[in-house]
Amino acid sequence: MKIGIIGTGNIGGALARRFRATGHDVAIANSRGPASLQALARETGAWPVSIDDVVQGAELVVVAIPMTQFASLPAQLFAQASPDLIVVDTSNYYPRERDGRIDEIEAGLTESGWVQQRIGHRVVKAFNSILAQHLLENGRPTGSSDRTCNRGRRR
């Protein structure tokens, strides 16, 4: 699968490592540009690209940035994306600690609803309630008895 990741902090970096370890084609981008991603690219085999290029041809895009940074994404980033593109939002709203007050969310709009409005594409929320270290260290194959989630498993 071709995956684009916007944001290479704790969650984005962990996901890049895990996706590459399972053989996916991963492009990574951040606000500092491809040159700042060389170490992660060498470590993982992911492709460092600009934010403008990370969506092109992707089947899945993970946006792993603080909510305050959505305004800095290019306005038309997802304009040419297929409606079938899956966009994963990993953000959490922290009004006191980081993001400041976002009136629409305070009025009842969901975080992902707010993100959808900002990027102009449907999103799903995932990876926002799991620690990056857990993503890196605790992934297990289907059927493993120590797997965090065994969907469909009968008790």
N, C-alpha and C. Protein backbone atom coordinates (compact mmCIF):
# COMPACT_ATOMS: atom_id res chain seq x y z
N MET A 1 0.85 -1.18 0.00
CA MET A 1 0.00 0.00 0.00
C MET A 1 0.89 1.24 0.00
N LYS A 2 0.46 2.26 -0.71
CA LYS A 2 1.20 3.52 -0.73
C LYS A 2 0.61 4.45 0.33
N ILE A 3 1.45 4.82 1.31
CA ILE A 3 1.02 5.59 2.47
C ILE A 3 1.80 6.90 2.54
N GLY A 4 1.11 7.99 2.78
CA GLY A 4 1.75 9.28 3.03
C GLY A 4 1.54 9.65 4.49
N ILE A 5 2.57 10.17 5.12
CA ILE A 5 2.46 10.61 6.51
C ILE A 5 2.88 12.07 6.59
N ILE A 6 1.99 12.89 7.11
CA ILE A 6 2.29 14.30 7.35
C ILE A 6 2.53 14.46 8.84
N GLY A 7 3.74 14.80 9.20
CA GLY A 7 4.13 14.91 10.60
C GLY A 7 4.97 13.71 10.99
N THR A 8 6.17 13.98 11.48
CA THR A 8 7.09 12.89 11.80
C THR A 8 7.57 12.97 13.24
N GLY A 9 6.67 13.46 14.10
CA GLY A 9 6.97 13.46 15.53
C GLY A 9 6.78 12.06 16.09
N ASN A 10 6.38 11.97 17.33
CA ASN A 10 6.27 10.67 17.99
C ASN A 10 5.34 9.70 17.26
N ILE A 11 4.11 10.12 16.99
CA ILE A 11 3.15 9.23 16.35
C ILE A 11 3.49 9.01 14.88
N GLY A 12 3.71 10.08 14.14
CA GLY A 12 4.04 9.94 12.71
C GLY A 12 5.30 9.12 12.49
N GLY A 13 6.32 9.35 13.31
CA GLY A 13 7.56 8.58 13.20
C GLY A 13 7.35 7.11 13.52
N ALA A 14 6.58 6.84 14.57
CA ALA A 14 6.30 5.45 14.94
C ALA A 14 5.54 4.74 13.83
N LEU A 15 4.55 5.42 13.25
CA LEU A 15 3.78 4.81 12.18
C LEU A 15 4.64 4.58 10.94
N ALA A 16 5.52 5.51 10.62
CA ALA A 16 6.42 5.31 9.48
C ALA A 16 7.28 4.07 9.70
N ARG A 17 7.80 3.91 10.89
CA ARG A 17 8.62 2.73 11.20
C ARG A 17 7.82 1.44 11.08
N ARG A 18 6.62 1.41 11.64
CA ARG A 18 5.81 0.19 11.61
C ARG A 18 5.31 -0.12 10.20
N PHE A 19 4.83 0.88 9.48
CA PHE A 19 4.35 0.64 8.12
C PHE A 19 5.47 0.14 7.22
N ARG A 20 6.65 0.72 7.32
CA ARG A 20 7.78 0.27 6.51
C ARG A 20 8.20 -1.15 6.90
N ALA A 21 8.18 -1.45 8.19
CA ALA A 21 8.57 -2.78 8.66
C ALA A 21 7.65 -3.86 8.10
N THR A 22 6.44 -3.49 7.75
CA THR A 22 5.50 -4.47 7.18
C THR A 22 5.44 -4.38 5.66
N GLY A 23 6.36 -3.63 5.05
CA GLY A 23 6.52 -3.63 3.61
C GLY A 23 5.76 -2.58 2.83
N HIS A 24 5.14 -1.64 3.50
CA HIS A 24 4.40 -0.60 2.77
C HIS A 24 5.35 0.45 2.20
N ASP A 25 4.92 1.06 1.11
CA ASP A 25 5.64 2.17 0.48
C ASP A 25 5.21 3.44 1.19
N VAL A 26 6.14 4.08 1.91
CA VAL A 26 5.79 5.21 2.78
C VAL A 26 6.53 6.47 2.35
N ALA A 27 5.77 7.54 2.17
CA ALA A 27 6.34 8.87 1.95
C ALA A 27 6.11 9.67 3.23
N ILE A 28 7.11 10.41 3.67
CA ILE A 28 7.02 11.20 4.89
C ILE A 28 7.24 12.67 4.57
N ALA A 29 6.52 13.53 5.30
CA ALA A 29 6.65 14.97 5.09
C ALA A 29 6.44 15.68 6.42
N ASN A 30 7.09 16.81 6.55
CA ASN A 30 6.88 17.65 7.74
C ASN A 30 7.02 19.11 7.34
N SER A 31 6.81 19.99 8.30
CA SER A 31 6.84 21.42 8.01
C SER A 31 8.24 21.95 7.73
N ARG A 32 9.26 21.19 8.08
CA ARG A 32 10.65 21.63 7.87
C ARG A 32 11.22 21.19 6.53
N GLY A 33 10.51 20.35 5.80
CA GLY A 33 10.94 19.95 4.47
C GLY A 33 11.73 18.64 4.44
N PRO A 34 11.89 18.08 3.23
CA PRO A 34 12.52 16.77 3.05
C PRO A 34 13.95 16.67 3.60
N ALA A 35 14.70 17.75 3.55
CA ALA A 35 16.08 17.68 4.04
C ALA A 35 16.14 17.33 5.53
N SER A 36 15.13 17.72 6.27
CA SER A 36 15.12 17.44 7.72
C SER A 36 14.73 15.99 8.03
N LEU A 37 14.36 15.24 7.03
CA LEU A 37 13.87 13.88 7.23
C LEU A 37 14.87 12.80 6.81
N GLN A 38 16.09 13.19 6.52
CA GLN A 38 17.07 12.24 6.00
C GLN A 38 17.39 11.11 6.97
N ALA A 39 17.51 11.41 8.24
CA ALA A 39 17.84 10.36 9.22
C ALA A 39 16.71 9.33 9.31
N LEU A 40 15.48 9.79 9.39
CA LEU A 40 14.34 8.88 9.46
C LEU A 40 14.23 8.08 8.16
N ALA A 41 14.50 8.71 7.04
CA ALA A 41 14.46 8.02 5.76
C ALA A 41 15.51 6.92 5.70
N ARG A 42 16.74 7.21 6.15
CA ARG A 42 17.80 6.18 6.16
C ARG A 42 17.43 5.03 7.09
N GLU A 43 16.88 5.36 8.24
CA GLU A 43 16.51 4.33 9.22
C GLU A 43 15.39 3.42 8.71
N THR A 44 14.40 4.00 8.04
CA THR A 44 13.19 3.25 7.70
C THR A 44 13.06 2.85 6.24
N GLY A 45 13.69 3.59 5.35
CA GLY A 45 13.48 3.37 3.93
C GLY A 45 12.29 4.15 3.39
N ALA A 46 11.69 5.01 4.22
CA ALA A 46 10.60 5.87 3.76
C ALA A 46 11.17 6.95 2.85
N TRP A 47 10.32 7.52 2.01
CA TRP A 47 10.73 8.56 1.07
C TRP A 47 10.42 9.93 1.63
N PRO A 48 11.42 10.79 1.85
CA PRO A 48 11.14 12.15 2.30
C PRO A 48 10.66 13.00 1.12
N VAL A 49 9.52 13.66 1.30
CA VAL A 49 8.95 14.49 0.24
C VAL A 49 8.43 15.77 0.86
N SER A 50 8.04 16.70 0.02
CA SER A 50 7.41 17.92 0.51
C SER A 50 5.96 17.63 0.87
N ILE A 51 5.38 18.48 1.68
CA ILE A 51 3.97 18.30 2.04
C ILE A 51 3.10 18.34 0.78
N ASP A 52 3.45 19.16 -0.18
CA ASP A 52 2.67 19.24 -1.42
C ASP A 52 2.66 17.91 -2.18
N ASP A 53 3.71 17.09 -2.01
CA ASP A 53 3.82 15.84 -2.76
C ASP A 53 3.36 14.60 -2.01
N VAL A 54 3.14 14.70 -0.70
CA VAL A 54 2.88 13.50 0.11
C VAL A 54 1.53 12.84 -0.20
N VAL A 55 0.58 13.59 -0.70
CA VAL A 55 -0.76 13.05 -0.97
C VAL A 55 -0.82 12.38 -2.35
N GLN A 56 0.01 12.82 -3.28
CA GLN A 56 -0.06 12.34 -4.66
C GLN A 56 0.16 10.84 -4.75
N GLY A 57 -0.82 10.15 -5.28
CA GLY A 57 -0.74 8.71 -5.49
C GLY A 57 -0.94 7.87 -4.25
N ALA A 58 -1.15 8.49 -3.10
CA ALA A 58 -1.31 7.74 -1.86
C ALA A 58 -2.68 7.07 -1.80
N GLU A 59 -2.72 5.91 -1.16
CA GLU A 59 -3.98 5.22 -0.88
C GLU A 59 -4.46 5.54 0.53
N LEU A 60 -3.52 5.94 1.37
CA LEU A 60 -3.79 6.28 2.77
C LEU A 60 -2.87 7.43 3.14
N VAL A 61 -3.42 8.45 3.78
CA VAL A 61 -2.62 9.55 4.29
C VAL A 61 -2.91 9.69 5.78
N VAL A 62 -1.86 9.69 6.58
CA VAL A 62 -1.99 9.90 8.02
C VAL A 62 -1.54 11.32 8.31
N VAL A 63 -2.39 12.10 8.97
CA VAL A 63 -2.03 13.46 9.36
C VAL A 63 -1.79 13.42 10.87
N ALA A 64 -0.52 13.52 11.24
CA ALA A 64 -0.09 13.39 12.64
C ALA A 64 0.57 14.68 13.09
N ILE A 65 -0.24 15.73 13.14
CA ILE A 65 0.26 17.05 13.53
C ILE A 65 -0.65 17.63 14.60
N PRO A 66 -0.13 18.57 15.38
CA PRO A 66 -0.99 19.25 16.36
C PRO A 66 -2.09 20.03 15.64
N MET A 67 -3.21 20.20 16.29
CA MET A 67 -4.33 20.91 15.67
C MET A 67 -3.96 22.33 15.28
N THR A 68 -3.06 22.94 16.01
CA THR A 68 -2.64 24.30 15.68
C THR A 68 -1.94 24.37 14.32
N GLN A 69 -1.46 23.25 13.81
CA GLN A 69 -0.72 23.24 12.55
C GLN A 69 -1.58 23.00 11.31
N PHE A 70 -2.85 22.66 11.48
CA PHE A 70 -3.70 22.43 10.31
C PHE A 70 -3.81 23.66 9.43
N ALA A 71 -3.80 24.83 10.04
CA ALA A 71 -3.89 26.07 9.27
C ALA A 71 -2.68 26.27 8.36
N SER A 72 -1.54 25.64 8.69
CA SER A 72 -0.34 25.81 7.89
C SER A 72 -0.27 24.84 6.70
N LEU A 73 -1.19 23.89 6.63
CA LEU A 73 -1.19 22.98 5.48
C LEU A 73 -1.63 23.73 4.23
N PRO A 74 -1.08 23.38 3.08
CA PRO A 74 -1.51 24.04 1.84
C PRO A 74 -3.03 23.91 1.66
N ALA A 75 -3.67 24.99 1.28
CA ALA A 75 -5.13 25.05 1.19
C ALA A 75 -5.71 23.99 0.25
N GLN A 76 -5.03 23.68 -0.82
CA GLN A 76 -5.55 22.74 -1.82
C GLN A 76 -4.89 21.36 -1.74
N LEU A 77 -4.33 21.03 -0.59
CA LEU A 77 -3.55 19.79 -0.46
C LEU A 77 -4.34 18.56 -0.90
N PHE A 78 -5.61 18.47 -0.54
CA PHE A 78 -6.41 17.29 -0.86
C PHE A 78 -7.38 17.55 -2.02
N ALA A 79 -7.26 18.67 -2.70
CA ALA A 79 -8.21 19.04 -3.75
C ALA A 79 -8.25 18.03 -4.89
N GLN A 80 -7.13 17.47 -5.27
CA GLN A 80 -7.07 16.52 -6.38
C GLN A 80 -7.10 15.07 -5.92
N ALA A 81 -7.24 14.85 -4.61
CA ALA A 81 -7.25 13.49 -4.07
C ALA A 81 -8.52 12.75 -4.44
N SER A 82 -8.38 11.47 -4.65
CA SER A 82 -9.53 10.62 -4.92
C SER A 82 -10.47 10.64 -3.73
N PRO A 83 -11.78 10.58 -3.97
CA PRO A 83 -12.71 10.49 -2.86
C PRO A 83 -12.52 9.21 -2.05
N ASP A 84 -11.87 8.22 -2.65
CA ASP A 84 -11.59 6.96 -1.97
C ASP A 84 -10.35 7.01 -1.07
N LEU A 85 -9.59 8.11 -1.16
CA LEU A 85 -8.41 8.24 -0.32
C LEU A 85 -8.83 8.20 1.15
N ILE A 86 -8.17 7.38 1.92
CA ILE A 86 -8.42 7.32 3.36
C ILE A 86 -7.46 8.29 4.03
N VAL A 87 -8.02 9.23 4.79
CA VAL A 87 -7.21 10.19 5.54
C VAL A 87 -7.45 9.93 7.02
N VAL A 88 -6.37 9.64 7.72
CA VAL A 88 -6.45 9.36 9.15
C VAL A 88 -5.98 10.59 9.92
N ASP A 89 -6.81 11.02 10.85
CA ASP A 89 -6.51 12.15 11.73
C ASP A 89 -6.10 11.59 13.09
N THR A 90 -4.88 11.89 13.53
CA THR A 90 -4.40 11.40 14.82
C THR A 90 -4.45 12.46 15.91
N SER A 91 -4.98 13.63 15.59
CA SER A 91 -4.88 14.77 16.51
C SER A 91 -5.80 14.65 17.72
N ASN A 92 -5.44 15.38 18.75
CA ASN A 92 -6.25 15.58 19.94
C ASN A 92 -6.27 17.07 20.24
N TYR A 93 -7.38 17.54 20.72
CA TYR A 93 -7.56 18.96 21.04
C TYR A 93 -7.13 19.23 22.48
N TYR A 94 -6.13 20.10 22.62
CA TYR A 94 -5.62 20.51 23.93
C TYR A 94 -5.73 22.03 24.04
N PRO A 95 -6.91 22.56 24.41
CA PRO A 95 -7.11 24.01 24.40
C PRO A 95 -6.24 24.76 25.40
N ARG A 96 -5.97 24.18 26.54
CA ARG A 96 -5.16 24.88 27.55
C ARG A 96 -3.67 24.69 27.34
N GLU A 97 -3.28 23.51 26.93
CA GLU A 97 -1.86 23.18 26.86
C GLU A 97 -1.17 23.61 25.57
N ARG A 98 -1.91 23.59 24.42
CA ARG A 98 -1.21 23.80 23.16
C ARG A 98 -2.03 24.54 22.12
N ASP A 99 -3.28 24.17 21.94
CA ASP A 99 -4.03 24.60 20.77
C ASP A 99 -4.77 25.92 20.91
N GLY A 100 -4.95 26.38 22.13
CA GLY A 100 -5.81 27.53 22.31
C GLY A 100 -7.26 27.11 22.07
N ARG A 101 -8.14 28.00 22.28
CA ARG A 101 -9.58 27.70 22.15
C ARG A 101 -9.97 27.71 20.67
N ILE A 102 -10.66 26.65 20.26
CA ILE A 102 -11.21 26.56 18.91
C ILE A 102 -12.72 26.63 19.07
N ASP A 103 -13.30 27.75 18.71
CA ASP A 103 -14.72 28.02 18.98
C ASP A 103 -15.66 26.95 18.43
N GLU A 104 -15.39 26.46 17.22
CA GLU A 104 -16.27 25.45 16.62
C GLU A 104 -16.30 24.17 17.45
N ILE A 105 -15.16 23.76 17.95
CA ILE A 105 -15.10 22.55 18.78
C ILE A 105 -15.78 22.82 20.12
N GLU A 106 -15.52 23.98 20.68
CA GLU A 106 -16.17 24.34 21.96
C GLU A 106 -17.69 24.37 21.81
N ALA A 107 -18.18 24.68 20.59
CA ALA A 107 -19.62 24.73 20.34
C ALA A 107 -20.21 23.36 20.01
N GLY A 108 -19.38 22.32 19.98
CA GLY A 108 -19.89 20.97 19.80
C GLY A 108 -19.44 20.22 18.56
N LEU A 109 -18.72 20.88 17.65
CA LEU A 109 -18.20 20.18 16.48
C LEU A 109 -17.13 19.21 16.94
N THR A 110 -17.13 18.00 16.39
CA THR A 110 -16.09 17.04 16.77
C THR A 110 -14.73 17.49 16.26
N GLU A 111 -13.68 17.00 16.88
CA GLU A 111 -12.33 17.33 16.44
C GLU A 111 -12.13 16.94 14.98
N SER A 112 -12.54 15.73 14.63
CA SER A 112 -12.37 15.28 13.25
C SER A 112 -13.26 16.04 12.29
N GLY A 113 -14.42 16.47 12.74
CA GLY A 113 -15.28 17.32 11.91
C GLY A 113 -14.59 18.64 11.60
N TRP A 114 -13.91 19.18 12.60
CA TRP A 114 -13.16 20.42 12.42
C TRP A 114 -12.01 20.20 11.44
N VAL A 115 -11.30 19.08 11.59
CA VAL A 115 -10.19 18.76 10.68
C VAL A 115 -10.72 18.59 9.26
N GLN A 116 -11.83 17.88 9.10
CA GLN A 116 -12.43 17.71 7.77
C GLN A 116 -12.70 19.05 7.11
N GLN A 117 -13.25 19.99 7.88
CA GLN A 117 -13.53 21.32 7.32
C GLN A 117 -12.23 22.00 6.88
N ARG A 118 -11.17 21.83 7.65
CA ARG A 118 -9.91 22.50 7.33
C ARG A 118 -9.26 21.93 6.08
N ILE A 119 -9.29 20.61 5.91
CA ILE A 119 -8.57 20.00 4.79
C ILE A 119 -9.46 19.71 3.59
N GLY A 120 -10.78 19.78 3.76
CA GLY A 120 -11.69 19.55 2.64
C GLY A 120 -11.78 18.11 2.20
N HIS A 121 -11.55 17.20 3.10
CA HIS A 121 -11.63 15.77 2.78
C HIS A 121 -12.11 15.00 4.01
N ARG A 122 -12.88 13.96 3.78
CA ARG A 122 -13.39 13.12 4.87
C ARG A 122 -12.21 12.48 5.61
N VAL A 123 -12.31 12.39 6.94
CA VAL A 123 -11.25 11.78 7.74
C VAL A 123 -11.83 10.75 8.69
N VAL A 124 -10.97 9.85 9.11
CA VAL A 124 -11.28 8.94 10.21
C VAL A 124 -10.29 9.21 11.32
N LYS A 125 -10.72 9.04 12.55
CA LYS A 125 -9.87 9.28 13.72
C LYS A 125 -9.25 7.95 14.13
N ALA A 126 -7.93 7.93 14.30
CA ALA A 126 -7.23 6.72 14.76
C ALA A 126 -5.89 7.12 15.35
N PHE A 127 -5.36 6.25 16.16
CA PHE A 127 -4.03 6.40 16.77
C PHE A 127 -3.94 7.59 17.73
N ASN A 128 -5.05 8.20 18.08
CA ASN A 128 -5.01 9.37 18.95
C ASN A 128 -5.08 9.01 20.43
N SER A 129 -5.33 7.76 20.73
CA SER A 129 -5.42 7.37 22.15
C SER A 129 -4.46 6.23 22.47
N ILE A 130 -3.38 6.17 21.73
CA ILE A 130 -2.37 5.15 21.96
C ILE A 130 -1.01 5.82 21.97
N LEU A 131 -0.16 5.40 22.87
CA LEU A 131 1.16 5.98 22.97
C LEU A 131 2.05 5.53 21.81
N ALA A 132 2.90 6.41 21.34
CA ALA A 132 3.81 6.09 20.24
C ALA A 132 4.67 4.88 20.59
N GLN A 133 5.14 4.80 21.81
CA GLN A 133 5.98 3.68 22.24
C GLN A 133 5.22 2.36 22.12
N HIS A 134 3.94 2.40 22.44
CA HIS A 134 3.11 1.20 22.32
C HIS A 134 3.01 0.78 20.85
N LEU A 135 2.83 1.75 19.96
CA LEU A 135 2.79 1.44 18.53
C LEU A 135 4.08 0.77 18.07
N LEU A 136 5.20 1.29 18.55
CA LEU A 136 6.50 0.76 18.14
C LEU A 136 6.78 -0.63 18.69
N GLU A 137 6.44 -0.86 19.93
CA GLU A 137 6.90 -2.07 20.61
C GLU A 137 5.88 -3.18 20.74
N ASN A 138 4.60 -2.88 20.65
CA ASN A 138 3.60 -3.87 21.00
C ASN A 138 2.78 -4.40 19.84
N GLY A 139 3.15 -4.09 18.63
CA GLY A 139 2.42 -4.65 17.49
C GLY A 139 2.67 -6.15 17.39
N ARG A 140 1.61 -6.91 17.23
CA ARG A 140 1.70 -8.36 17.14
C ARG A 140 0.85 -8.85 15.97
N PRO A 141 1.25 -9.94 15.34
CA PRO A 141 0.47 -10.48 14.22
C PRO A 141 -0.89 -11.02 14.67
N THR A 142 -1.81 -11.09 13.74
CA THR A 142 -3.12 -11.67 14.00
C THR A 142 -2.95 -13.05 14.62
N GLY A 143 -3.73 -13.29 15.66
CA GLY A 143 -3.70 -14.60 16.31
C GLY A 143 -2.74 -14.69 17.49
N SER A 144 -1.86 -13.72 17.65
CA SER A 144 -0.93 -13.75 18.79
C SER A 144 -1.71 -13.60 20.09
N SER A 145 -1.39 -14.41 21.07
CA SER A 145 -2.13 -14.36 22.33
C SER A 145 -1.90 -13.05 23.09
N ASP A 146 -0.77 -12.40 22.85
CA ASP A 146 -0.47 -11.14 23.55
C ASP A 146 -0.77 -9.91 22.71
N ARG A 147 -1.60 -10.08 21.70
CA ARG A 147 -1.98 -8.97 20.84
C ARG A 147 -2.94 -8.04 21.60
N THR A 148 -2.79 -6.73 21.40
CA THR A 148 -3.64 -5.76 22.08
C THR A 148 -5.10 -5.94 21.70
N CYS A 149 -5.37 -6.18 20.44
CA CYS A 149 -6.75 -6.35 19.98
C CYS A 149 -6.82 -7.59 19.11
N ASN A 150 -7.67 -8.50 19.47
CA ASN A 150 -7.92 -9.68 18.66
C ASN A 150 -9.38 -9.63 18.21
N ARG A 151 -9.62 -8.83 17.20
CA ARG A 151 -10.97 -8.64 16.67
C ARG A 151 -11.54 -9.99 16.25
N GLY A 152 -12.79 -10.21 16.63
CA GLY A 152 -13.46 -11.44 16.24
C GLY A 152 -13.13 -12.62 17.13
N ARG A 153 -12.27 -12.43 18.05
CA ARG A 153 -11.86 -13.52 18.94
C ARG A 153 -13.02 -13.84 19.90
N ARG A 154 -13.34 -15.09 20.02
CA ARG A 154 -14.41 -15.51 20.92
C ARG A 154 -13.84 -15.77 22.30
N ARG A 155 -14.62 -15.40 23.28
CA ARG A 155 -14.18 -15.61 24.66
C ARG A 155 -14.87 -16.79 25.26
